[in-house]
Amino acid sequence: MGIKFGSFNAICETAALVICPLVGTDQGIEPLCYSRNVDVAGTLLFQPSTCFVHIVAIVMTAIMIYHIRSKYTAVGRKEIVMFFWLYATIELLAIFLDSGIIPTANSSYPWFAAVYTGLVAATYTCLVINGFVGFQFAEDGTPLSLWVLRITCLAVFGTSFFIAIATFKRFAGFNYTNPTGLWVIYILWPLVCTVVYIISQLVLVFRTLDDRWPIGDIVFGTGFFTIAQVLLFAFSVTICNAIKHYIDGLFFFTLCMLLSVMMVYKYWDSITREDLEFSVGSKASVWEVKDPLLAGNGMGGPDYSEEDTVSNYHGGPPGSLVGGVSGQQLYQKGGYTPRGYPPTPTSERY
């Protein structure tokens, strides 16, 4: 397959993308081979296997969001969770567009496809901005960091949405027969953002972290992303013909993209550590309590003489383990009187 800059002809003949019914010609571009549909209660559903992966992706994303939100003091927690919310929204919208629940002939389909296009561009923008959070150009979690992320993603979403709907509807100088602008934001922009994110994280790991294990997460995530693109744009028709139209490259693309997003979470989780002093719901600290009866006394017990040199067992001043009274205060000269009893004269204490 030869991919030509600004043209979806070769791409859409291979891959059944959401925007393919809206570009090229009035009838869109039909793929040479695509997954067969199923009849559910009189309704034809396209790409049923792919829709199942979309549902799994939403469930897995919800689990990842839950774990991210539970790391109350982790660096970049609020920023990265926005990326996963955007990804979950894309997967939810893809269920309706890929399956044909919103028919391509429906007048609302171009608008939903434009929203989908804008969300894809905004999600990759969110990812690349998260790649620079670890460099602390702005302190994470602050209004400056969050609003820069939100405004940038909103601006990219608005621009991409406008270019998409203008291309589909042929106004403002855009036309679906020559969708160069749409090609840039749908094909080129995600690739650029991914490359920038990968490079930035490699720099972060080598310059900032002592641990090199997160590189494995980056490698696996990059591998899944690359496999997804190759299976969709190069082998979709081959897969579809070989499996007799039961699934096509879009199924494996969606699955591999889910795995790459999971590796983004795994990588972020591996490079962030909670400040246990301020974490909520963490386990109580375990303190070592030494038994003074086991102090070194020539009886074969361990010798704590270097560590316990000022306690009342070594002639030091009396102390209390819990901030109350000590044994000497209670039984000797501390003058302590239990509540409800009259004070005992000094001469009667011994």
Protein backbone atom coordinates (compact mmCIF):
# COMPACT_ATOMS: atom_id res chain seq x y z
CA MET A 1 0.00 0.00 0.00
CA GLY A 2 1.38 3.40 -0.95
CA ILE A 3 0.39 6.20 1.43
CA LYS A 4 0.23 9.55 -0.27
CA PHE A 5 0.42 12.79 1.72
CA GLY A 6 -3.01 14.41 2.00
CA SER A 7 -4.89 11.48 0.49
CA PHE A 8 -7.07 8.89 2.25
CA ASN A 9 -7.66 6.79 -0.87
CA ALA A 10 -5.09 4.08 -0.21
CA ILE A 11 -5.61 4.23 3.56
CA CYS A 12 -9.38 3.83 3.46
CA GLU A 13 -9.20 1.04 0.89
CA THR A 14 -7.25 -0.92 3.49
CA ALA A 15 -8.63 0.25 6.85
CA ALA A 16 -12.26 0.92 7.79
CA LEU A 17 -11.66 4.23 9.57
CA VAL A 18 -14.46 6.35 11.05
CA ILE A 19 -13.89 9.16 8.56
CA CYS A 20 -13.65 6.96 5.45
CA PRO A 21 -17.38 7.19 4.55
CA LEU A 22 -17.01 11.00 4.46
CA VAL A 23 -13.90 11.61 2.35
CA GLY A 24 -12.77 10.99 -1.22
CA THR A 25 -16.16 11.06 -2.96
CA ASP A 26 -19.81 11.73 -2.13
CA GLN A 27 -20.15 8.10 -1.08
CA GLY A 28 -16.85 7.96 0.77
CA ILE A 29 -14.20 5.28 0.27
CA GLU A 30 -15.15 1.66 0.88
CA PRO A 31 -12.48 -0.75 2.15
CA LEU A 32 -11.62 -3.74 0.00
CA CYS A 33 -12.38 -6.10 2.88
CA TYR A 34 -14.02 -5.45 6.24
CA SER A 35 -15.48 -7.43 9.10
CA ARG A 36 -18.91 -8.95 8.48
CA ASN A 37 -21.95 -7.61 10.33
CA VAL A 38 -24.34 -9.40 12.68
CA ASP A 39 -28.08 -9.07 13.12
CA VAL A 40 -29.09 -8.19 16.69
CA ALA A 41 -32.86 -7.87 17.17
CA GLY A 42 -33.32 -6.64 13.63
CA THR A 43 -30.41 -4.17 13.85
CA LEU A 44 -27.25 -4.72 11.84
CA LEU A 45 -24.08 -4.21 13.88
CA PHE A 46 -20.82 -3.74 12.05
CA GLN A 47 -17.45 -4.67 13.52
CA PRO A 48 -18.90 -6.68 16.45
CA SER A 49 -15.52 -8.01 17.59
CA THR A 50 -14.02 -4.53 17.51
CA CYS A 51 -16.93 -3.17 19.55
CA PHE A 52 -16.24 -5.83 22.16
CA VAL A 53 -12.66 -4.58 22.42
CA HIS A 54 -13.99 -1.03 22.80
CA ILE A 55 -16.08 -2.17 25.78
CA VAL A 56 -13.08 -3.95 27.32
CA ALA A 57 -11.03 -0.80 26.81
CA ILE A 58 -13.59 1.30 28.69
CA VAL A 59 -13.60 -1.15 31.61
CA MET A 60 -9.80 -1.29 31.76
CA THR A 61 -9.57 2.49 31.55
CA ALA A 62 -11.98 2.84 34.46
CA ILE A 63 -9.75 0.53 36.52
CA MET A 64 -6.65 2.54 35.62
CA ILE A 65 -8.37 5.81 36.49
CA TYR A 66 -9.37 4.38 39.86
CA HIS A 67 -5.79 3.38 40.65
CA ILE A 68 -4.43 6.74 39.50
CA ARG A 69 -6.87 8.65 41.69
CA SER A 70 -5.94 6.47 44.67
CA LYS A 71 -2.30 7.66 44.47
CA TYR A 72 -3.07 10.91 46.23
CA THR A 73 0.44 12.38 46.27
CA ALA A 74 1.89 10.98 43.03
CA VAL A 75 3.51 13.42 40.61
CA GLY A 76 1.33 14.34 37.64
CA ARG A 77 -1.73 12.48 38.93
CA LYS A 78 -4.27 15.10 37.85
CA GLU A 79 -2.63 15.61 34.48
CA ILE A 80 -2.36 11.97 33.47
CA VAL A 81 -5.91 11.14 34.54
CA MET A 82 -7.20 13.61 31.94
CA PHE A 83 -5.49 11.57 29.21
CA PHE A 84 -7.33 8.43 30.30
CA TRP A 85 -10.67 10.23 30.50
CA LEU A 86 -10.20 11.41 26.91
CA TYR A 87 -9.24 7.90 25.79
CA ALA A 88 -12.33 6.42 27.47
CA THR A 89 -14.52 9.01 25.71
CA ILE A 90 -13.00 8.09 22.35
CA GLU A 91 -13.66 4.40 22.94
CA LEU A 92 -17.25 5.10 23.95
CA LEU A 93 -17.89 7.19 20.85
CA ALA A 94 -16.18 4.60 18.64
CA ILE A 95 -18.71 1.98 19.71
CA PHE A 96 -21.50 3.96 18.05
CA LEU A 97 -19.51 4.93 14.96
CA ASP A 98 -17.76 1.63 14.19
CA SER A 99 -20.83 -0.51 14.82
CA GLY A 100 -23.18 1.51 12.65
CA ILE A 101 -25.51 2.33 15.55
CA ILE A 102 -25.18 5.83 14.13
CA PRO A 103 -25.58 5.03 10.41
CA THR A 104 -23.16 6.64 8.00
CA ALA A 105 -26.12 7.90 5.95
CA ASN A 106 -27.56 9.72 8.98
CA SER A 107 -27.21 13.50 8.95
CA SER A 108 -25.67 13.43 12.44
CA TYR A 109 -22.84 11.07 11.47
CA PRO A 110 -20.50 13.82 10.12
CA TRP A 111 -20.88 15.78 13.35
CA PHE A 112 -20.09 12.79 15.55
CA ALA A 113 -17.18 11.89 13.29
CA ALA A 114 -15.87 15.46 13.62
CA VAL A 115 -16.13 15.22 17.43
CA TYR A 116 -14.30 11.90 17.28
CA THR A 117 -11.55 13.45 15.14
CA GLY A 118 -11.18 16.36 17.56
CA LEU A 119 -10.99 14.03 20.56
CA VAL A 120 -8.26 11.94 18.91
CA ALA A 121 -6.13 15.02 18.25
CA ALA A 122 -6.76 16.38 21.78
CA THR A 123 -5.86 13.03 23.39
CA TYR A 124 -2.48 12.87 21.67
CA THR A 125 -1.90 16.50 22.65
CA CYS A 126 -2.70 15.62 26.25
CA LEU A 127 -0.24 12.74 26.09
CA VAL A 128 2.65 14.83 24.80
CA ILE A 129 2.03 17.55 27.42
CA ASN A 130 2.04 14.88 30.12
CA GLY A 131 5.43 13.86 28.78
CA PHE A 132 6.82 17.22 29.95
CA VAL A 133 5.15 17.24 33.38
CA GLY A 134 8.03 15.24 34.84
CA PHE A 135 10.48 18.00 33.86
CA GLN A 136 8.65 20.33 36.27
CA PHE A 137 8.50 23.36 33.99
CA ALA A 138 5.41 24.10 36.06
CA GLU A 139 4.65 22.38 39.33
CA ASP A 140 2.24 19.53 38.72
CA GLY A 141 -1.27 19.74 40.12
CA THR A 142 -1.22 23.55 40.31
CA PRO A 143 -3.80 25.69 38.50
CA LEU A 144 -1.09 26.83 36.06
CA SER A 145 -0.21 23.28 35.05
CA LEU A 146 -3.81 22.07 34.84
CA TRP A 147 -5.19 25.05 32.96
CA VAL A 148 -2.36 25.06 30.43
CA LEU A 149 -3.17 21.41 29.75
CA ARG A 150 -6.93 21.99 29.56
CA ILE A 151 -6.77 25.10 27.38
CA THR A 152 -4.26 23.53 24.99
CA CYS A 153 -6.32 20.38 24.60
CA LEU A 154 -9.50 22.41 24.14
CA ALA A 155 -7.83 24.56 21.48
CA VAL A 156 -6.59 21.50 19.59
CA PHE A 157 -10.01 19.88 19.88
CA GLY A 158 -11.77 22.98 18.56
CA THR A 159 -9.35 23.40 15.66
CA SER A 160 -9.53 19.74 14.68
CA PHE A 161 -13.31 19.66 14.98
CA PHE A 162 -13.62 22.69 12.71
CA ILE A 163 -11.26 21.28 10.09
CA ALA A 164 -13.08 17.94 10.13
CA ILE A 165 -16.63 19.27 9.83
CA ALA A 166 -15.55 21.87 7.24
CA THR A 167 -13.99 19.07 5.18
CA PHE A 168 -17.08 16.88 5.46
CA LYS A 169 -19.48 19.73 4.65
CA ARG A 170 -17.25 21.52 2.11
CA PHE A 171 -17.06 25.07 3.45
CA ALA A 172 -14.36 27.58 4.48
CA GLY A 173 -12.15 26.38 1.64
CA PHE A 174 -12.07 22.72 2.76
CA ASN A 175 -13.25 19.85 0.59
CA TYR A 176 -13.55 16.11 1.12
CA THR A 177 -12.04 15.48 -2.30
CA ASN A 178 -8.79 17.07 -1.14
CA PRO A 179 -8.68 16.51 2.65
CA THR A 180 -5.10 17.61 3.30
CA GLY A 181 -5.88 19.40 6.56
CA LEU A 182 -7.85 16.44 7.86
CA TRP A 183 -5.01 14.12 6.87
CA VAL A 184 -2.55 16.18 8.92
CA ILE A 185 -4.59 16.16 12.13
CA TYR A 186 -5.82 12.57 11.79
CA ILE A 187 -2.71 10.77 10.52
CA LEU A 188 0.36 12.97 10.95
CA TRP A 189 -0.36 14.74 14.26
CA PRO A 190 -0.79 11.53 16.34
CA LEU A 191 2.48 10.18 14.95
CA VAL A 192 4.36 13.39 15.80
CA CYS A 193 2.95 13.50 19.35
CA THR A 194 3.85 9.86 19.95
CA VAL A 195 7.45 10.31 18.81
CA VAL A 196 7.88 13.44 20.96
CA TYR A 197 6.40 11.67 24.00
CA ILE A 198 8.69 8.64 23.62
CA ILE A 199 11.83 10.78 23.22
CA SER A 200 10.92 13.00 26.19
CA GLN A 201 10.37 10.00 28.46
CA LEU A 202 13.66 8.40 27.45
CA VAL A 203 15.42 11.66 28.29
CA LEU A 204 13.57 11.82 31.60
CA VAL A 205 14.55 8.28 32.57
CA PHE A 206 18.23 8.64 31.64
CA ARG A 207 18.72 12.09 33.17
CA THR A 208 16.50 11.97 36.23
CA LEU A 209 15.84 8.43 37.38
CA ASP A 210 18.27 5.92 38.82
CA ASP A 211 16.01 3.02 37.87
CA ARG A 212 16.16 1.82 34.26
CA TRP A 213 13.24 -0.61 34.42
CA PRO A 214 10.72 1.99 33.13
CA ILE A 215 12.53 1.81 29.77
CA GLY A 216 10.95 -1.62 29.34
CA ASP A 217 7.49 -0.07 29.65
CA ILE A 218 8.39 2.51 27.02
CA VAL A 219 9.70 -0.18 24.67
CA PHE A 220 6.61 -2.36 25.06
CA GLY A 221 4.28 0.62 24.61
CA THR A 222 6.14 1.70 21.49
CA GLY A 223 6.04 -1.85 20.17
CA PHE A 224 2.29 -2.19 20.63
CA PHE A 225 1.70 1.20 18.99
CA THR A 226 3.87 0.27 16.01
CA ILE A 227 2.23 -3.13 15.59
CA ALA A 228 -1.19 -1.47 15.67
CA GLN A 229 -0.30 0.86 12.80
CA VAL A 230 1.29 -1.90 10.71
CA LEU A 231 -1.62 -4.32 11.14
CA LEU A 232 -4.18 -1.65 10.30
CA PHE A 233 -2.54 0.10 7.36
CA ALA A 234 -0.56 -2.76 5.82
CA PHE A 235 -2.19 -6.10 6.63
CA SER A 236 -5.86 -5.35 7.29
CA VAL A 237 -7.05 -6.75 3.97
CA THR A 238 -4.78 -9.79 4.28
CA ILE A 239 -6.10 -10.55 7.77
CA CYS A 240 -9.69 -10.03 6.68
CA ASN A 241 -9.41 -12.42 3.73
CA ALA A 242 -7.52 -15.02 5.73
CA ILE A 243 -10.12 -15.13 8.52
CA LYS A 244 -13.05 -15.00 6.07
CA HIS A 245 -14.31 -11.56 7.05
CA TYR A 246 -14.86 -12.43 10.72
CA ILE A 247 -12.34 -9.82 11.87
CA ASP A 248 -10.08 -7.36 10.11
CA GLY A 249 -7.12 -5.17 10.94
CA LEU A 250 -9.28 -2.72 12.90
CA PHE A 251 -9.81 -5.36 15.58
CA PHE A 252 -6.09 -5.86 16.14
CA PHE A 253 -5.48 -2.11 15.87
CA THR A 254 -7.95 -1.39 18.66
CA LEU A 255 -6.54 -4.20 20.80
CA CYS A 256 -2.92 -3.12 20.37
CA MET A 257 -3.80 0.51 21.05
CA LEU A 258 -5.43 -0.58 24.30
CA LEU A 259 -2.25 -2.43 25.25
CA SER A 260 -0.13 0.62 24.42
CA VAL A 261 -2.37 2.84 26.58
CA MET A 262 -2.04 0.31 29.40
CA MET A 263 1.74 0.56 29.06
CA VAL A 264 1.45 4.34 29.39
CA TYR A 265 -0.25 3.74 32.73
CA LYS A 266 2.31 1.10 33.71
CA TYR A 267 5.16 3.47 32.87
CA TRP A 268 3.63 6.36 34.81
CA ASP A 269 2.99 4.09 37.79
CA SER A 270 6.60 2.84 37.76
CA ILE A 271 8.16 6.32 37.82
CA THR A 272 5.89 7.85 40.46
CA ARG A 273 6.15 7.26 44.17
CA GLU A 274 3.76 8.39 46.85
CA ASP A 275 4.88 10.51 49.76
CA LEU A 276 3.78 8.13 52.50
CA GLU A 277 3.80 10.92 55.07
CA PHE A 278 0.84 12.52 53.35
CA SER A 279 -0.80 9.55 51.66
CA VAL A 280 -4.31 8.55 52.66
CA GLY A 281 -5.21 5.02 53.57
CA SER A 282 -1.64 3.81 53.72
CA LYS A 283 -0.56 1.14 56.14
CA ALA A 284 0.53 2.21 59.59
CA SER A 285 4.24 2.52 60.14
CA VAL A 286 5.91 -0.37 61.88
CA TRP A 287 8.17 0.74 64.70
CA GLU A 288 10.85 -1.38 66.30
CA VAL A 289 10.33 -1.77 70.06
CA LYS A 290 13.28 -3.08 72.00
CA ASP A 291 12.71 -5.10 75.16
CA PRO A 292 14.99 -3.78 77.88
CA LEU A 293 14.98 -7.22 79.52
CA LEU A 294 16.96 -8.47 76.53
CA ALA A 295 19.69 -5.86 76.94
CA GLY A 296 23.23 -7.15 77.12
CA ASN A 297 23.91 -8.24 80.69
CA GLY A 298 26.34 -11.08 80.32
CA MET A 299 23.44 -13.56 80.08
CA GLY A 300 23.87 -14.16 76.35
CA GLY A 301 21.28 -11.60 75.27
CA PRO A 302 21.94 -8.99 72.58
CA ASP A 303 23.89 -5.94 73.58
CA TYR A 304 21.98 -2.64 73.16
CA SER A 305 24.45 -0.64 75.19
CA GLU A 306 25.35 1.62 72.28
CA GLU A 307 21.72 2.42 71.52
CA ASP A 308 20.20 2.66 75.00
CA THR A 309 22.61 4.73 77.02
CA VAL A 310 20.31 7.34 78.53
CA SER A 311 17.30 5.32 79.67
CA ASN A 312 16.36 4.71 83.30
CA TYR A 313 17.70 1.18 82.93
CA HIS A 314 21.22 2.59 82.58
CA GLY A 315 21.03 5.23 85.23
CA GLY A 316 19.54 7.93 83.06
CA PRO A 317 16.52 10.06 83.86
CA PRO A 318 13.15 8.34 83.91
CA GLY A 319 11.20 8.44 80.68
CA SER A 320 7.81 7.50 79.34
CA LEU A 321 7.13 5.56 76.13
CA VAL A 322 3.71 7.08 75.59
CA GLY A 323 4.10 10.56 76.99
CA GLY A 324 2.50 9.76 80.37
CA VAL A 325 4.11 8.90 83.68
CA SER A 326 7.15 6.70 84.07
CA GLY A 327 7.59 3.82 86.45
CA GLN A 328 9.73 5.91 88.79
CA GLN A 329 7.10 8.63 88.87
CA LEU A 330 4.42 6.11 89.70
CA TYR A 331 6.18 4.09 92.37
CA GLN A 332 8.96 6.27 93.76
CA LYS A 333 9.39 10.01 93.95
CA GLY A 334 7.20 11.32 91.23
CA GLY A 335 4.39 12.29 93.58
CA TYR A 336 1.82 10.68 91.31
CA THR A 337 -1.53 9.99 92.93
CA PRO A 338 -4.13 7.84 91.23
CA ARG A 339 -7.42 9.64 90.67
CA GLY A 340 -9.89 9.10 93.49
CA TYR A 341 -7.32 8.31 96.23
CA PRO A 342 -5.90 10.65 98.86
CA PRO A 343 -2.20 11.48 98.65
CA THR A 344 0.05 9.13 100.57
CA PRO A 345 2.60 10.69 102.94
CA THR A 346 6.17 10.26 101.89
CA SER A 347 7.04 8.33 105.03
CA GLU A 348 4.38 5.71 104.29
CA ARG A 349 5.44 5.06 100.70
CA TYR A 350 8.36 2.83 101.66
